[in-house]
Amino acid sequence: MGECKLDHSKEDVQKKLAEQAPFLSEERVGQFQRMLEGELSQERLNELFHLLKKYDLASPEERLVREQQMDRLFG
């Protein structure tokens, strides 16, 4: 995932999650939703957004990398 200079709002992340939810497990969607309930830094919001961005179009290898990043993020 390339670096993006745009800052994304919590609403941006929620919209992106709604778009990508059909391609994620229910458990993963829940993890995103729970994280979005709390206070998040701008850096964390951007990270969440980019993990979701074009997830549906990502290759299996790219999805695996993103899933590993999500695992680290959600603990």
PDB file of N, CA and C in Angstrom:
ATOM      1  N   MET A   1       0.842  -1.173   0.000  1.00  0.00           N
ATOM      2  CA  MET A   1       0.000   0.000   0.000  1.00  0.00           C
ATOM      3  C   MET A   1       0.889   1.238   0.000  1.00  0.00           C
ATOM      4  N   GLY A   2       0.611   2.135  -0.903  1.00  0.00           N
ATOM      5  CA  GLY A   2       1.404   3.339  -0.993  1.00  0.00           C
ATOM      6  C   GLY A   2       1.011   4.360   0.045  1.00  0.00           C
ATOM      7  N   GLU A   3       1.885   5.319   0.220  1.00  0.00           N
ATOM      8  CA  GLU A   3       1.602   6.389   1.167  1.00  0.00           C
ATOM      9  C   GLU A   3       0.602   7.354   0.553  1.00  0.00           C
ATOM     10  N   CYS A   4      -0.320   7.804   1.359  1.00  0.00           N
ATOM     11  CA  CYS A   4      -1.332   8.751   0.928  1.00  0.00           C
ATOM     12  C   CYS A   4      -1.199   9.994   1.790  1.00  0.00           C
ATOM     13  N   LYS A   5      -1.295  11.138   1.172  1.00  0.00           N
ATOM     14  CA  LYS A   5      -1.134  12.390   1.900  1.00  0.00           C
ATOM     15  C   LYS A   5      -2.456  12.912   2.457  1.00  0.00           C
ATOM     16  N   LEU A   6      -3.558  12.256   2.141  1.00  0.00           N
ATOM     17  CA  LEU A   6      -4.858  12.685   2.626  1.00  0.00           C
ATOM     18  C   LEU A   6      -5.124  12.147   4.018  1.00  0.00           C
ATOM     19  N   ASP A   7      -5.737  12.975   4.846  1.00  0.00           N
ATOM     20  CA  ASP A   7      -6.204  12.501   6.139  1.00  0.00           C
ATOM     21  C   ASP A   7      -7.651  12.066   5.996  1.00  0.00           C
ATOM     22  N   HIS A   8      -7.970  10.924   6.580  1.00  0.00           N
ATOM     23  CA  HIS A   8      -9.311  10.359   6.470  1.00  0.00           C
ATOM     24  C   HIS A   8     -10.028  10.486   7.811  1.00  0.00           C
ATOM     25  N   SER A   9     -11.300  10.851   7.735  1.00  0.00           N
ATOM     26  CA  SER A   9     -12.112  11.000   8.938  1.00  0.00           C
ATOM     27  C   SER A   9     -12.655   9.644   9.381  1.00  0.00           C
ATOM     28  N   LYS A  10     -13.192   9.613  10.590  1.00  0.00           N
ATOM     29  CA  LYS A  10     -13.839   8.401  11.081  1.00  0.00           C
ATOM     30  C   LYS A  10     -14.984   8.013  10.142  1.00  0.00           C
ATOM     31  N   GLU A  11     -15.697   9.012   9.624  1.00  0.00           N
ATOM     32  CA  GLU A  11     -16.797   8.751   8.685  1.00  0.00           C
ATOM     33  C   GLU A  11     -16.282   8.123   7.394  1.00  0.00           C
ATOM     34  N   ASP A  12     -15.120   8.579   6.910  1.00  0.00           N
ATOM     35  CA  ASP A  12     -14.510   7.970   5.716  1.00  0.00           C
ATOM     36  C   ASP A  12     -14.250   6.488   5.949  1.00  0.00           C
ATOM     37  N   VAL A  13     -13.704   6.179   7.118  1.00  0.00           N
ATOM     38  CA  VAL A  13     -13.378   4.785   7.440  1.00  0.00           C
ATOM     39  C   VAL A  13     -14.661   3.965   7.556  1.00  0.00           C
ATOM     40  N   GLN A  14     -15.680   4.530   8.187  1.00  0.00           N
ATOM     41  CA  GLN A  14     -16.952   3.807   8.324  1.00  0.00           C
ATOM     42  C   GLN A  14     -17.585   3.531   6.957  1.00  0.00           C
ATOM     43  N   LYS A  15     -17.528   4.497   6.060  1.00  0.00           N
ATOM     44  CA  LYS A  15     -18.071   4.300   4.699  1.00  0.00           C
ATOM     45  C   LYS A  15     -17.282   3.222   3.961  1.00  0.00           C
ATOM     46  N   LYS A  16     -15.969   3.283   4.080  1.00  0.00           N
ATOM     47  CA  LYS A  16     -15.127   2.290   3.401  1.00  0.00           C
ATOM     48  C   LYS A  16     -15.378   0.909   3.979  1.00  0.00           C
ATOM     49  N   LEU A  17     -15.566   0.816   5.287  1.00  0.00           N
ATOM     50  CA  LEU A  17     -15.880  -0.464   5.916  1.00  0.00           C
ATOM     51  C   LEU A  17     -17.200  -1.007   5.383  1.00  0.00           C
ATOM     52  N   ALA A  18     -18.198  -0.149   5.246  1.00  0.00           N
ATOM     53  CA  ALA A  18     -19.492  -0.587   4.722  1.00  0.00           C
ATOM     54  C   ALA A  18     -19.351  -1.114   3.294  1.00  0.00           C
ATOM     55  N   GLU A  19     -18.519  -0.472   2.486  1.00  0.00           N
ATOM     56  CA  GLU A  19     -18.286  -0.918   1.101  1.00  0.00           C
ATOM     57  C   GLU A  19     -17.589  -2.277   1.053  1.00  0.00           C
ATOM     58  N   GLN A  20     -16.650  -2.474   1.948  1.00  0.00           N
ATOM     59  CA  GLN A  20     -15.798  -3.666   1.895  1.00  0.00           C
ATOM     60  C   GLN A  20     -16.290  -4.803   2.786  1.00  0.00           C
ATOM     61  N   ALA A  21     -17.284  -4.547   3.623  1.00  0.00           N
ATOM     62  CA  ALA A  21     -17.780  -5.569   4.553  1.00  0.00           C
ATOM     63  C   ALA A  21     -18.142  -6.889   3.882  1.00  0.00           C
ATOM     64  N   PRO A  22     -18.744  -6.881   2.668  1.00  0.00           N
ATOM     65  CA  PRO A  22     -19.071  -8.171   2.042  1.00  0.00           C
ATOM     66  C   PRO A  22     -17.843  -9.044   1.741  1.00  0.00           C
ATOM     67  N   PHE A  23     -16.660  -8.438   1.742  1.00  0.00           N
ATOM     68  CA  PHE A  23     -15.433  -9.170   1.406  1.00  0.00           C
ATOM     69  C   PHE A  23     -14.622  -9.540   2.641  1.00  0.00           C
ATOM     70  N   LEU A  24     -15.135  -9.159   3.817  1.00  0.00           N
ATOM     71  CA  LEU A  24     -14.448  -9.431   5.079  1.00  0.00           C
ATOM     72  C   LEU A  24     -15.277 -10.384   5.921  1.00  0.00           C
ATOM     73  N   SER A  25     -14.621 -11.095   6.831  1.00  0.00           N
ATOM     74  CA  SER A  25     -15.359 -11.960   7.748  1.00  0.00           C
ATOM     75  C   SER A  25     -16.170 -11.096   8.713  1.00  0.00           C
ATOM     76  N   GLU A  26     -17.238 -11.678   9.264  1.00  0.00           N
ATOM     77  CA  GLU A  26     -18.049 -10.956  10.246  1.00  0.00           C
ATOM     78  C   GLU A  26     -17.191 -10.548  11.439  1.00  0.00           C
ATOM     79  N   GLU A  27     -16.301 -11.432  11.840  1.00  0.00           N
ATOM     80  CA  GLU A  27     -15.411 -11.136  12.969  1.00  0.00           C
ATOM     81  C   GLU A  27     -14.552  -9.916  12.671  1.00  0.00           C
ATOM     82  N   ARG A  28     -14.011  -9.845  11.464  1.00  0.00           N
ATOM     83  CA  ARG A  28     -13.142  -8.729  11.085  1.00  0.00           C
ATOM     84  C   ARG A  28     -13.936  -7.425  11.045  1.00  0.00           C
ATOM     85  N   VAL A  29     -15.147  -7.472  10.506  1.00  0.00           N
ATOM     86  CA  VAL A  29     -15.999  -6.276  10.474  1.00  0.00           C
ATOM     87  C   VAL A  29     -16.253  -5.800  11.899  1.00  0.00           C
ATOM     88  N   GLY A  30     -16.531  -6.737  12.799  1.00  0.00           N
ATOM     89  CA  GLY A  30     -16.752  -6.394  14.201  1.00  0.00           C
ATOM     90  C   GLY A  30     -15.535  -5.741  14.832  1.00  0.00           C
ATOM     91  N   GLN A  31     -14.351  -6.226  14.483  1.00  0.00           N
ATOM     92  CA  GLN A  31     -13.124  -5.642  15.019  1.00  0.00           C
ATOM     93  C   GLN A  31     -12.985  -4.183  14.582  1.00  0.00           C
ATOM     94  N   PHE A  32     -13.255  -3.935  13.304  1.00  0.00           N
ATOM     95  CA  PHE A  32     -13.204  -2.550  12.808  1.00  0.00           C
ATOM     96  C   PHE A  32     -14.242  -1.693  13.531  1.00  0.00           C
ATOM     97  N   GLN A  33     -15.456  -2.207  13.658  1.00  0.00           N
ATOM     98  CA  GLN A  33     -16.524  -1.433  14.289  1.00  0.00           C
ATOM     99  C   GLN A  33     -16.190  -1.092  15.734  1.00  0.00           C
ATOM    100  N   ARG A  34     -15.660  -2.072  16.465  1.00  0.00           N
ATOM    101  CA  ARG A  34     -15.300  -1.820  17.862  1.00  0.00           C
ATOM    102  C   ARG A  34     -14.192  -0.771  17.958  1.00  0.00           C
ATOM    103  N   MET A  35     -13.220  -0.852  17.074  1.00  0.00           N
ATOM    104  CA  MET A  35     -12.133   0.119  17.108  1.00  0.00           C
ATOM    105  C   MET A  35     -12.659   1.517  16.781  1.00  0.00           C
ATOM    106  N   LEU A  36     -13.607   1.589  15.854  1.00  0.00           N
ATOM    107  CA  LEU A  36     -14.145   2.892  15.460  1.00  0.00           C
ATOM    108  C   LEU A  36     -15.025   3.517  16.539  1.00  0.00           C
ATOM    109  N   GLU A  37     -15.422   2.746  17.536  1.00  0.00           N
ATOM    110  CA  GLU A  37     -16.224   3.288  18.642  1.00  0.00           C
ATOM    111  C   GLU A  37     -15.384   4.156  19.572  1.00  0.00           C
ATOM    112  N   GLY A  38     -14.077   3.937  19.564  1.00  0.00           N
ATOM    113  CA  GLY A  38     -13.201   4.681  20.467  1.00  0.00           C
ATOM    114  C   GLY A  38     -12.585   5.896  19.794  1.00  0.00           C
ATOM    115  N   GLU A  39     -11.764   6.592  20.563  1.00  0.00           N
ATOM    116  CA  GLU A  39     -11.015   7.736  20.042  1.00  0.00           C
ATOM    117  C   GLU A  39      -9.791   7.204  19.305  1.00  0.00           C
ATOM    118  N   LEU A  40      -9.575   7.718  18.099  1.00  0.00           N
ATOM    119  CA  LEU A  40      -8.463   7.252  17.277  1.00  0.00           C
ATOM    120  C   LEU A  40      -7.632   8.430  16.791  1.00  0.00           C
ATOM    121  N   SER A  41      -6.333   8.211  16.734  1.00  0.00           N
ATOM    122  CA  SER A  41      -5.444   9.232  16.186  1.00  0.00           C
ATOM    123  C   SER A  41      -5.657   9.323  14.680  1.00  0.00           C
ATOM    124  N   GLN A  42      -5.222  10.431  14.106  1.00  0.00           N
ATOM    125  CA  GLN A  42      -5.325  10.588  12.656  1.00  0.00           C
ATOM    126  C   GLN A  42      -4.520   9.499  11.943  1.00  0.00           C
ATOM    127  N   GLU A  43      -3.370   9.181  12.491  1.00  0.00           N
ATOM    128  CA  GLU A  43      -2.529   8.138  11.903  1.00  0.00           C
ATOM    129  C   GLU A  43      -3.273   6.792  11.870  1.00  0.00           C
ATOM    130  N   ARG A  44      -3.959   6.472  12.968  1.00  0.00           N
ATOM    131  CA  ARG A  44      -4.694   5.202  13.043  1.00  0.00           C
ATOM    132  C   ARG A  44      -5.873   5.196  12.062  1.00  0.00           C
ATOM    133  N   LEU A  45      -6.588   6.322  11.956  1.00  0.00           N
ATOM    134  CA  LEU A  45      -7.698   6.408  10.990  1.00  0.00           C
ATOM    135  C   LEU A  45      -7.190   6.186   9.572  1.00  0.00           C
ATOM    136  N   ASN A  46      -6.081   6.808   9.239  1.00  0.00           N
ATOM    137  CA  ASN A  46      -5.517   6.636   7.897  1.00  0.00           C
ATOM    138  C   ASN A  46      -5.110   5.184   7.664  1.00  0.00           C
ATOM    139  N   GLU A  47      -4.533   4.567   8.672  1.00  0.00           N
ATOM    140  CA  GLU A  47      -4.109   3.170   8.561  1.00  0.00           C
ATOM    141  C   GLU A  47      -5.315   2.255   8.321  1.00  0.00           C
ATOM    142  N   LEU A  48      -6.380   2.460   9.091  1.00  0.00           N
ATOM    143  CA  LEU A  48      -7.593   1.654   8.912  1.00  0.00           C
ATOM    144  C   LEU A  48      -8.173   1.835   7.511  1.00  0.00           C
ATOM    145  N   PHE A  49      -8.233   3.086   7.073  1.00  0.00           N
ATOM    146  CA  PHE A  49      -8.787   3.372   5.745  1.00  0.00           C
ATOM    147  C   PHE A  49      -8.008   2.629   4.664  1.00  0.00           C
ATOM    148  N   HIS A  50      -6.690   2.682   4.747  1.00  0.00           N
ATOM    149  CA  HIS A  50      -5.873   2.077   3.691  1.00  0.00           C
ATOM    150  C   HIS A  50      -5.846   0.553   3.745  1.00  0.00           C
ATOM    151  N   LEU A  51      -6.101  -0.013   4.912  1.00  0.00           N
ATOM    152  CA  LEU A  51      -6.256  -1.468   4.971  1.00  0.00           C
ATOM    153  C   LEU A  51      -7.527  -1.900   4.237  1.00  0.00           C
ATOM    154  N   LEU A  52      -8.534  -1.049   4.272  1.00  0.00           N
ATOM    155  CA  LEU A  52      -9.820  -1.367   3.628  1.00  0.00           C
ATOM    156  C   LEU A  52      -9.864  -0.968   2.157  1.00  0.00           C
ATOM    157  N   LYS A  53      -9.106   0.052   1.791  1.00  0.00           N
ATOM    158  CA  LYS A  53      -9.181   0.606   0.440  1.00  0.00           C
ATOM    159  C   LYS A  53      -8.891  -0.467  -0.616  1.00  0.00           C
ATOM    160  N   LYS A  54      -9.859  -0.655  -1.505  1.00  0.00           N
ATOM    161  CA  LYS A  54      -9.748  -1.609  -2.617  1.00  0.00           C
ATOM    162  C   LYS A  54      -9.411  -3.024  -2.148  1.00  0.00           C
ATOM    163  N   TYR A  55      -9.825  -3.368  -0.935  1.00  0.00           N
ATOM    164  CA  TYR A  55      -9.581  -4.721  -0.424  1.00  0.00           C
ATOM    165  C   TYR A  55     -10.173  -5.759  -1.371  1.00  0.00           C
ATOM    166  N   ASP A  56     -11.352  -5.448  -1.910  1.00  0.00           N
ATOM    167  CA  ASP A  56     -12.033  -6.383  -2.811  1.00  0.00           C
ATOM    168  C   ASP A  56     -11.242  -6.641  -4.086  1.00  0.00           C
ATOM    169  N   LEU A  57     -10.398  -5.716  -4.487  1.00  0.00           N
ATOM    170  CA  LEU A  57      -9.618  -5.861  -5.719  1.00  0.00           C
ATOM    171  C   LEU A  57      -8.208  -6.390  -5.474  1.00  0.00           C
ATOM    172  N   ALA A  58      -7.832  -6.538  -4.217  1.00  0.00           N
ATOM    173  CA  ALA A  58      -6.479  -6.969  -3.875  1.00  0.00           C
ATOM    174  C   ALA A  58      -6.266  -8.431  -4.256  1.00  0.00           C
ATOM    175  N   SER A  59      -5.041  -8.740  -4.651  1.00  0.00           N
ATOM    176  CA  SER A  59      -4.678 -10.120  -4.949  1.00  0.00           C
ATOM    177  C   SER A  59      -4.720 -10.931  -3.661  1.00  0.00           C
ATOM    178  N   PRO A  60      -4.787 -12.257  -3.776  1.00  0.00           N
ATOM    179  CA  PRO A  60      -4.758 -13.088  -2.566  1.00  0.00           C
ATOM    180  C   PRO A  60      -3.523 -12.812  -1.699  1.00  0.00           C
ATOM    181  N   GLU A  61      -2.391 -12.564  -2.337  1.00  0.00           N
ATOM    182  CA  GLU A  61      -1.167 -12.284  -1.596  1.00  0.00           C
ATOM    183  C   GLU A  61      -1.291 -10.962  -0.834  1.00  0.00           C
ATOM    184  N   GLU A  62      -1.849  -9.935  -1.497  1.00  0.00           N
ATOM    185  CA  GLU A  62      -2.028  -8.630  -0.856  1.00  0.00           C
ATOM    186  C   GLU A  62      -3.040  -8.734   0.278  1.00  0.00           C
ATOM    187  N   ARG A  63      -4.089  -9.509   0.077  1.00  0.00           N
ATOM    188  CA  ARG A  63      -5.078  -9.692   1.152  1.00  0.00           C
ATOM    189  C   ARG A  63      -4.432 -10.335   2.369  1.00  0.00           C
ATOM    190  N   LEU A  64      -3.566 -11.313   2.153  1.00  0.00           N
ATOM    191  CA  LEU A  64      -2.875 -11.974   3.263  1.00  0.00           C
ATOM    192  C   LEU A  64      -2.031 -10.971   4.038  1.00  0.00           C
ATOM    193  N   VAL A  65      -1.303 -10.118   3.335  1.00  0.00           N
ATOM    194  CA  VAL A  65      -0.493  -9.087   3.985  1.00  0.00           C
ATOM    195  C   VAL A  65      -1.393  -8.167   4.802  1.00  0.00           C
ATOM    196  N   ARG A  66      -2.504  -7.736   4.230  1.00  0.00           N
ATOM    197  CA  ARG A  66      -3.418  -6.844   4.949  1.00  0.00           C
ATOM    198  C   ARG A  66      -4.029  -7.550   6.160  1.00  0.00           C
ATOM    199  N   GLU A  67      -4.373  -8.812   6.021  1.00  0.00           N
ATOM    200  CA  GLU A  67      -4.942  -9.566   7.152  1.00  0.00           C
ATOM    201  C   GLU A  67      -3.918  -9.645   8.291  1.00  0.00           C
ATOM    202  N   GLN A  68      -2.659  -9.831   7.943  1.00  0.00           N
ATOM    203  CA  GLN A  68      -1.617  -9.884   8.961  1.00  0.00           C
ATOM    204  C   GLN A  68      -1.488  -8.530   9.661  1.00  0.00           C
ATOM    205  N   GLN A  69      -1.586  -7.454   8.879  1.00  0.00           N
ATOM    206  CA  GLN A  69      -1.542  -6.115   9.472  1.00  0.00           C
ATOM    207  C   GLN A  69      -2.750  -5.883  10.383  1.00  0.00           C
ATOM    208  N   MET A  70      -3.904  -6.359   9.951  1.00  0.00           N
ATOM    209  CA  MET A  70      -5.106  -6.234  10.779  1.00  0.00           C
ATOM    210  C   MET A  70      -4.942  -7.021  12.080  1.00  0.00           C
ATOM    211  N   ASP A  71      -4.393  -8.227  11.989  1.00  0.00           N
ATOM    212  CA  ASP A  71      -4.176  -9.036  13.191  1.00  0.00           C
ATOM    213  C   ASP A  71      -3.308  -8.294  14.201  1.00  0.00           C
ATOM    214  N   ARG A  72      -2.240  -7.655  13.716  1.00  0.00           N
ATOM    215  CA  ARG A  72      -1.349  -6.894  14.611  1.00  0.00           C
ATOM    216  C   ARG A  72      -2.098  -5.694  15.198  1.00  0.00           C
ATOM    217  N   LEU A  73      -2.877  -5.043  14.375  1.00  0.00           N
ATOM    218  CA  LEU A  73      -3.593  -3.838  14.800  1.00  0.00           C
ATOM    219  C   LEU A  73      -4.655  -4.148  15.853  1.00  0.00           C
ATOM    220  N   PHE A  74      -5.392  -5.222  15.634  1.00  0.00           N
ATOM    221  CA  PHE A  74      -6.500  -5.558  16.533  1.00  0.00           C
ATOM    222  C   PHE A  74      -6.057  -6.432  17.705  1.00  0.00           C
ATOM    223  N   GLY A  75      -4.814  -6.908  17.656  1.00  0.00           N
ATOM    224  CA  GLY A  75      -4.282  -7.707  18.760  1.00  0.00           C
ATOM    225  C   GLY A  75      -4.908  -9.034  18.834  1.00  0.00           C
TER     226      GLY A  75
END
